[in-house]
Amino acid sequence: MSYEPSFRAVANWKDRSRVFAAIRKNYGTRAKQVDQRLDDLKMVTSLARMYDIPAAHCHELSADRPGEFAVSISRNHRIIFIPDHDPVPLKEDGGIELSMVDSIVILAIGEDYH
């Protein structure tokens, strides 16, 4: 499944049952976890708030994936996304200002990058 919802776009999905049916079809046993993480992304007002949800295990990726973030949907599988800002809001030290990120682009769902 390929799509680019932002925090705002996820909140505006009108036919939630059709969206979940597509998630269930594509992600099987992980469908509930995918749906939960998408709900989490929908409910927060900024990326910084995702760090307050322990089960999401939100984290910035490193090495060959700078600027990308992930939330957990299972032990090994993640939803991968980037901030949808141009330019990306930065702190003085060069890190991303998470509290200013209020829109994302999902790059992958169910990825196991381990």
Protein backbone atom coordinates (compact mmCIF):
# COMPACT_ATOMS: atom_id res chain seq x y z
CA MET A 1 0.00 0.00 0.00
CA SER A 2 1.48 3.30 -1.02
CA TYR A 3 0.10 6.61 0.17
CA GLU A 4 1.28 9.86 1.67
CA PRO A 5 -0.95 10.87 4.59
CA SER A 6 0.07 13.68 6.88
CA PHE A 7 -1.09 14.12 10.46
CA ARG A 8 -3.87 16.28 9.03
CA ALA A 9 -4.72 13.92 6.14
CA VAL A 10 -5.03 10.88 8.41
CA ALA A 11 -7.42 12.87 10.61
CA ASN A 12 -9.56 13.67 7.57
CA TRP A 13 -10.13 10.10 6.34
CA LYS A 14 -13.90 9.90 6.00
CA ASP A 15 -14.50 6.21 5.38
CA ARG A 16 -12.44 4.62 8.13
CA SER A 17 -13.93 1.14 7.53
CA ARG A 18 -12.66 1.04 3.92
CA VAL A 19 -9.23 2.21 5.04
CA PHE A 20 -9.05 -0.50 7.73
CA ALA A 21 -10.25 -3.15 5.23
CA ALA A 22 -7.33 -2.21 2.96
CA ILE A 23 -4.92 -2.30 5.90
CA ARG A 24 -6.27 -5.72 6.97
CA LYS A 25 -5.92 -7.06 3.42
CA ASN A 26 -2.32 -5.87 3.10
CA TYR A 27 -1.00 -6.41 6.63
CA GLY A 28 -2.96 -9.38 7.97
CA THR A 29 -2.05 -10.13 11.58
CA ARG A 30 -0.30 -6.75 11.92
CA ALA A 31 -3.41 -4.82 10.78
CA LYS A 32 -4.51 -3.82 14.29
CA GLN A 33 -1.03 -2.54 15.14
CA VAL A 34 -0.83 -0.61 11.85
CA ASP A 35 -4.25 0.88 12.50
CA GLN A 36 -3.26 1.81 16.07
CA ARG A 37 -0.09 3.58 14.93
CA LEU A 38 -2.00 5.45 12.23
CA ASP A 39 -4.51 6.49 14.91
CA ASP A 40 -1.63 7.63 17.10
CA LEU A 41 -0.21 9.68 14.23
CA LYS A 42 -3.66 11.14 13.62
CA MET A 43 -4.17 12.16 17.25
CA VAL A 44 -0.88 13.91 17.96
CA THR A 45 -0.38 17.57 17.14
CA SER A 46 3.34 17.26 16.46
CA LEU A 47 6.04 14.65 16.03
CA ALA A 48 7.31 15.43 19.54
CA ARG A 49 4.05 14.02 20.97
CA MET A 50 4.73 10.62 19.35
CA TYR A 51 7.68 10.24 21.71
CA ASP A 52 5.17 10.33 24.62
CA ILE A 53 3.53 7.09 23.40
CA PRO A 54 5.78 4.28 24.73
CA ALA A 55 4.28 1.53 22.55
CA ALA A 56 5.01 3.55 19.40
CA HIS A 57 8.75 3.58 20.15
CA CYS A 58 9.14 6.62 17.88
CA HIS A 59 12.74 7.19 16.89
CA GLU A 60 14.85 8.93 14.30
CA LEU A 61 16.74 6.62 11.98
CA SER A 62 20.46 6.98 11.43
CA ALA A 63 23.25 5.74 9.22
CA ASP A 64 22.01 5.75 5.61
CA ARG A 65 18.53 7.08 6.56
CA PRO A 66 19.06 10.56 8.01
CA GLY A 67 15.91 12.61 8.47
CA GLU A 68 13.67 9.54 8.50
CA PHE A 69 11.65 8.41 11.50
CA ALA A 70 9.98 5.16 12.50
CA VAL A 71 7.23 3.93 14.81
CA SER A 72 6.86 0.28 15.78
CA ILE A 73 4.02 -1.92 14.63
CA SER A 74 5.63 -5.15 15.85
CA ARG A 75 8.96 -6.31 17.20
CA ASN A 76 10.64 -5.97 13.80
CA HIS A 77 8.21 -4.01 11.62
CA ARG A 78 7.90 -0.24 11.38
CA ILE A 79 6.06 2.62 9.74
CA ILE A 80 8.74 4.82 8.18
CA PHE A 81 8.10 8.51 7.53
CA ILE A 82 9.71 11.89 6.99
CA PRO A 83 8.64 15.40 7.99
CA ASP A 84 6.55 17.06 5.27
CA HIS A 85 8.11 20.50 5.57
CA ASP A 86 10.26 22.53 3.22
CA PRO A 87 12.47 23.43 4.88
CA VAL A 88 12.36 20.98 7.76
CA PRO A 89 12.29 22.99 11.04
CA LEU A 90 15.66 22.77 12.74
CA LYS A 91 17.00 23.58 16.19
CA GLU A 92 20.11 25.71 16.63
CA ASP A 93 22.23 22.56 17.02
CA GLY A 94 21.05 21.29 13.62
CA GLY A 95 18.66 18.63 14.94
CA ILE A 96 15.05 18.50 13.81
CA GLU A 97 12.66 20.60 15.92
CA LEU A 98 10.14 17.84 16.61
CA SER A 99 7.58 20.15 18.20
CA MET A 100 7.31 22.08 14.91
CA VAL A 101 6.76 18.99 12.72
CA ASP A 102 3.00 18.79 12.23
CA SER A 103 2.89 17.01 8.87
CA ILE A 104 4.57 13.83 7.64
CA VAL A 105 4.88 11.70 4.53
CA ILE A 106 4.73 7.95 5.12
CA LEU A 107 7.38 6.16 3.07
CA ALA A 108 6.70 2.56 4.08
CA ILE A 109 4.44 0.47 6.28
CA GLY A 110 5.54 -2.89 7.61
CA GLU A 111 9.21 -2.46 6.80
CA ASP A 112 11.75 -4.63 8.60
CA TYR A 113 15.02 -2.71 8.29
CA HIS A 114 16.92 -4.86 10.78
